[in-house]
Amino acid sequence: MKMHKIIERINETDDVVSLRLIDSETGAHPKFIAGQYVTILFPDLNVPSGKAYSLSSISSDPFLQITIKKLGVYSSRLHELKVGDEILVSEPYGFLNPEFDTPTVMIAGGVGIVPIMSIIRDTLLRDPKRRIELWFSNRTIDDIVFVKELDDLSAKHKNFCIKHFITQQKKLPPGYELGRINVTKMLSKKNYDSETFFFICGREEFVGSMWHALTNAEISDNKIATETFF
């Protein structure tokens, strides 16, 4: 693990923050694959293995970016950090993104958008005409992480479309659907290519329900990748 310095801090929502990091010695960052994560270690918190956090940046960015929801002791410590502070960070690792060239549906619940955001940005950079859909579930509109960047990408890339699902806010403006993601209903709206790949990321219950709904709709298990946040 190497010491990294925080060069920028972005408040995404009331309880989600993004931290941009560079190597404290070299000012650089390692190359990585979109969808990977790093381990953060605070030795004084007595968690020898540290905690893993997905990267929301892409390899061409001049920094590593982690995006953290305030949930426990580790995430609370990260939320307290300021520009100039240093933390121990591992090399990027993990495997979520097979980098297919087929049409893709991303399904995210809350902060599960973090690695998916990295994959979306990377995919549209490599293949601007690639067809991508995002089904994004949040409690309220104010809980939507990366909302402006997602809107900008959707406006720039006509082949990238977003469907927002809001579960705990009854009055919604046009373009937002009240309720949970109904996979059967979403699949029935379009004739998805048999090669379409599905990514699911979120908390365990969300990922499990989405996976079961897809497989019940006869989506092959080898066309589904999942990442569970705890």
Protein backbone atom coordinates (compact mmCIF):
# COMPACT_ATOMS: atom_id res chain seq x y z
CA MET A 1 0.00 0.00 0.00
CA LYS A 2 1.14 3.55 -0.70
CA MET A 3 0.35 6.88 0.81
CA HIS A 4 -2.01 8.99 -1.32
CA LYS A 5 -2.92 12.65 -0.94
CA ILE A 6 -6.41 14.07 -1.32
CA ILE A 7 -6.37 16.78 -4.00
CA GLU A 8 -10.10 17.42 -4.25
CA ARG A 9 -13.25 16.68 -2.28
CA ILE A 10 -16.72 16.72 -3.88
CA ASN A 11 -19.97 16.56 -1.89
CA GLU A 12 -22.22 14.48 -4.16
CA THR A 13 -25.25 14.34 -1.82
CA ASP A 14 -25.87 14.96 1.89
CA ASP A 15 -24.24 11.64 2.80
CA VAL A 16 -22.04 10.78 -0.21
CA VAL A 17 -18.63 12.31 -0.92
CA SER A 18 -16.05 11.77 -3.67
CA LEU A 19 -12.35 12.00 -2.87
CA ARG A 20 -9.74 12.47 -5.61
CA LEU A 21 -6.34 11.00 -4.79
CA ILE A 22 -2.80 11.01 -6.18
CA ASP A 23 0.36 9.21 -5.08
CA SER A 24 1.94 11.38 -2.39
CA GLU A 25 5.46 10.78 -3.77
CA THR A 26 5.00 10.76 -7.55
CA GLY A 27 1.79 12.75 -8.04
CA ALA A 28 0.60 9.97 -10.36
CA HIS A 29 -1.80 7.05 -10.09
CA PRO A 30 -1.75 3.44 -11.33
CA LYS A 31 -3.56 2.30 -14.46
CA PHE A 32 -6.68 0.27 -13.82
CA ILE A 33 -9.74 -1.25 -15.44
CA ALA A 34 -13.09 0.51 -15.03
CA GLY A 35 -15.08 -1.26 -12.33
CA GLN A 36 -12.12 -2.09 -10.09
CA TYR A 37 -11.68 -0.98 -6.49
CA VAL A 38 -8.97 -0.18 -3.95
CA THR A 39 -8.48 -0.96 -0.29
CA ILE A 40 -8.17 1.94 2.16
CA LEU A 41 -6.31 1.27 5.42
CA PHE A 42 -6.54 3.25 8.65
CA PRO A 43 -4.13 1.32 10.95
CA ASP A 44 -5.59 2.89 14.11
CA LEU A 45 -9.08 1.50 13.42
CA ASN A 46 -7.91 -2.08 14.06
CA VAL A 47 -9.22 -3.51 10.79
CA PRO A 48 -6.06 -5.25 9.50
CA SER A 49 -7.44 -5.88 6.02
CA GLY A 50 -8.80 -2.34 5.59
CA LYS A 51 -11.96 -1.62 3.59
CA ALA A 52 -12.55 -1.88 -0.16
CA TYR A 53 -14.06 1.04 -2.09
CA SER A 54 -14.95 1.06 -5.78
CA LEU A 55 -13.33 3.59 -8.09
CA SER A 56 -15.67 6.05 -9.78
CA SER A 57 -12.92 7.50 -11.98
CA ILE A 58 -11.46 6.05 -15.18
CA SER A 59 -7.84 5.33 -15.99
CA SER A 60 -7.42 8.41 -18.18
CA ASP A 61 -8.32 10.72 -15.27
CA PRO A 62 -5.24 12.28 -13.58
CA PHE A 63 -6.33 10.89 -10.21
CA LEU A 64 -8.02 7.98 -8.45
CA GLN A 65 -11.53 8.80 -7.27
CA ILE A 66 -13.47 6.93 -4.62
CA THR A 67 -17.09 7.79 -3.81
CA ILE A 68 -18.28 6.92 -0.33
CA LYS A 69 -21.65 6.82 1.41
CA LYS A 70 -21.48 7.55 5.14
CA LEU A 71 -22.53 4.28 6.75
CA GLY A 72 -20.05 3.21 9.41
CA VAL A 73 -16.78 3.94 11.20
CA TYR A 74 -14.56 3.64 8.12
CA SER A 75 -16.76 5.67 5.82
CA SER A 76 -17.26 8.29 8.54
CA ARG A 77 -13.48 8.68 8.82
CA LEU A 78 -13.24 9.15 5.04
CA HIS A 79 -15.98 11.78 5.18
CA GLU A 80 -13.92 13.73 7.74
CA LEU A 81 -10.87 14.01 5.47
CA LYS A 82 -9.88 17.31 3.88
CA VAL A 83 -7.82 18.36 0.86
CA GLY A 84 -4.15 17.76 1.69
CA ASP A 85 -4.79 14.83 4.05
CA GLU A 86 -3.06 11.53 3.26
CA ILE A 87 -4.31 7.94 3.46
CA LEU A 88 -2.96 4.47 2.69
CA VAL A 89 -4.33 3.09 -0.60
CA SER A 90 -3.74 -0.27 -2.32
CA GLU A 91 -3.22 -0.90 -6.01
CA PRO A 92 -6.56 -1.24 -7.90
CA TYR A 93 -7.85 -4.81 -8.13
CA GLY A 94 -10.98 -6.86 -8.74
CA PHE A 95 -12.93 -7.81 -11.83
CA LEU A 96 -16.41 -6.59 -12.68
CA ASN A 97 -16.14 -5.29 -16.23
CA PRO A 98 -15.53 -7.81 -19.05
CA GLU A 99 -15.31 -4.86 -21.50
CA PHE A 100 -17.72 -6.46 -23.96
CA ASP A 101 -18.68 -4.60 -27.12
CA THR A 102 -22.33 -5.65 -26.95
CA PRO A 103 -25.34 -3.54 -25.88
CA THR A 104 -25.39 -3.15 -22.10
CA VAL A 105 -27.98 -2.55 -19.38
CA MET A 106 -26.64 -1.18 -16.10
CA ILE A 107 -28.84 -1.66 -13.01
CA ALA A 108 -27.81 0.35 -9.95
CA GLY A 109 -29.26 0.86 -6.50
CA GLY A 110 -28.15 3.98 -4.63
CA VAL A 111 -24.39 4.19 -4.17
CA GLY A 112 -24.12 1.03 -6.28
CA ILE A 113 -23.78 3.50 -9.13
CA VAL A 114 -20.10 4.05 -8.21
CA PRO A 115 -18.36 1.28 -10.25
CA ILE A 116 -21.10 1.45 -12.88
CA MET A 117 -20.35 5.15 -13.39
CA SER A 118 -16.73 4.26 -14.07
CA ILE A 119 -17.77 1.59 -16.57
CA ILE A 120 -20.24 3.88 -18.34
CA ARG A 121 -17.68 6.67 -18.72
CA ASP A 122 -14.98 4.27 -19.90
CA THR A 123 -17.30 2.51 -22.36
CA LEU A 124 -18.58 5.72 -23.94
CA LEU A 125 -15.02 6.99 -24.27
CA ARG A 126 -13.86 3.79 -26.00
CA ASP A 127 -16.99 3.29 -28.08
CA PRO A 128 -19.15 6.44 -28.26
CA LYS A 129 -21.86 4.65 -30.29
CA ARG A 130 -22.27 1.73 -27.91
CA ARG A 131 -25.89 1.31 -26.73
CA ILE A 132 -26.12 1.60 -22.95
CA GLU A 133 -29.14 1.82 -20.67
CA LEU A 134 -29.06 2.70 -16.99
CA TRP A 135 -31.88 1.66 -14.64
CA PHE A 136 -31.14 3.65 -11.49
CA SER A 137 -33.05 3.25 -8.21
CA ASN A 138 -32.89 5.78 -5.35
CA ARG A 139 -35.01 6.71 -2.34
CA THR A 140 -35.43 10.36 -3.36
CA ILE A 141 -34.23 12.63 -6.15
CA ASP A 142 -31.81 14.27 -3.72
CA ASP A 143 -30.14 10.87 -3.19
CA ILE A 144 -29.09 10.52 -6.85
CA VAL A 145 -25.29 10.44 -7.03
CA PHE A 146 -23.60 11.88 -10.17
CA VAL A 147 -26.94 13.26 -11.38
CA LYS A 148 -25.46 16.16 -13.36
CA GLU A 149 -22.73 14.07 -14.97
CA LEU A 150 -25.24 11.39 -15.92
CA ASP A 151 -27.54 14.00 -17.46
CA ASP A 152 -24.60 15.49 -19.39
CA LEU A 153 -23.55 12.09 -20.73
CA SER A 154 -27.11 11.30 -21.76
CA ALA A 155 -27.39 14.63 -23.60
CA LYS A 156 -24.08 14.06 -25.35
CA HIS A 157 -24.63 10.40 -26.27
CA LYS A 158 -28.06 9.66 -27.75
CA ASN A 159 -27.30 5.94 -27.44
CA PHE A 160 -27.06 6.29 -23.64
CA CYS A 161 -30.44 6.48 -21.90
CA ILE A 162 -31.36 6.62 -18.22
CA LYS A 163 -34.50 5.50 -16.41
CA HIS A 164 -34.78 6.82 -12.85
CA PHE A 165 -36.83 4.95 -10.23
CA ILE A 166 -37.66 6.76 -6.97
CA THR A 167 -39.01 4.66 -4.10
CA GLN A 168 -39.74 7.09 -1.23
CA GLN A 169 -40.81 10.39 -2.77
CA LYS A 170 -44.39 10.60 -4.02
CA LYS A 171 -44.30 13.92 -5.88
CA LEU A 172 -41.97 13.56 -8.84
CA PRO A 173 -41.24 15.72 -11.90
CA PRO A 174 -41.59 14.23 -15.40
CA GLY A 175 -38.98 11.65 -16.31
CA TYR A 176 -38.94 9.88 -12.94
CA GLU A 177 -40.93 6.75 -12.11
CA LEU A 178 -42.33 6.08 -8.65
CA GLY A 179 -41.54 2.66 -7.23
CA ARG A 180 -38.97 -0.08 -7.49
CA ILE A 181 -37.46 -1.33 -10.74
CA ASN A 182 -39.87 -3.75 -12.39
CA VAL A 183 -37.53 -5.90 -14.48
CA THR A 184 -40.32 -7.73 -16.29
CA LYS A 185 -41.95 -4.46 -17.29
CA MET A 186 -38.65 -2.94 -18.42
CA LEU A 187 -37.72 -5.96 -20.51
CA SER A 188 -41.14 -6.01 -22.15
CA LYS A 189 -40.69 -2.44 -23.45
CA LYS A 190 -37.90 -3.36 -25.84
CA ASN A 191 -36.63 -6.28 -27.84
CA TYR A 192 -33.24 -6.74 -26.23
CA ASP A 193 -30.56 -8.40 -28.31
CA SER A 194 -29.62 -11.87 -27.07
CA GLU A 195 -26.09 -10.56 -26.65
CA THR A 196 -27.14 -7.74 -24.29
CA PHE A 197 -25.07 -7.80 -21.11
CA PHE A 198 -26.46 -6.80 -17.71
CA PHE A 199 -24.50 -5.28 -14.81
CA ILE A 200 -26.11 -5.11 -11.35
CA CYS A 201 -24.61 -3.25 -8.41
CA GLY A 202 -26.06 -2.29 -5.03
CA ARG A 203 -26.82 -3.70 -1.62
CA GLU A 204 -27.25 -7.47 -1.23
CA GLU A 205 -31.05 -7.53 -1.24
CA PHE A 206 -31.23 -5.27 -4.30
CA VAL A 207 -28.68 -7.29 -6.29
CA GLY A 208 -30.37 -10.57 -5.39
CA SER A 209 -33.83 -9.41 -6.41
CA MET A 210 -32.60 -7.95 -9.71
CA TRP A 211 -30.61 -11.09 -10.52
CA HIS A 212 -33.58 -13.38 -9.80
CA ALA A 213 -35.88 -11.20 -11.91
CA LEU A 214 -33.47 -11.32 -14.86
CA THR A 215 -32.92 -15.08 -14.68
CA ASN A 216 -36.67 -15.65 -14.28
CA ALA A 217 -37.05 -13.67 -17.51
CA GLU A 218 -34.68 -16.19 -19.13
CA ILE A 219 -31.65 -13.91 -19.25
CA SER A 220 -28.67 -16.26 -19.23
CA ASP A 221 -26.56 -16.16 -16.07
CA ASN A 222 -23.41 -15.70 -18.18
CA LYS A 223 -24.88 -12.41 -19.45
CA ILE A 224 -25.10 -10.97 -15.92
CA ALA A 225 -22.33 -9.49 -13.73
CA THR A 226 -22.99 -8.47 -10.13
CA GLU A 227 -21.27 -6.45 -7.44
CA THR A 228 -22.66 -6.34 -3.90
CA PHE A 229 -22.09 -3.45 -1.49
CA PHE A 230 -22.20 -4.20 2.24
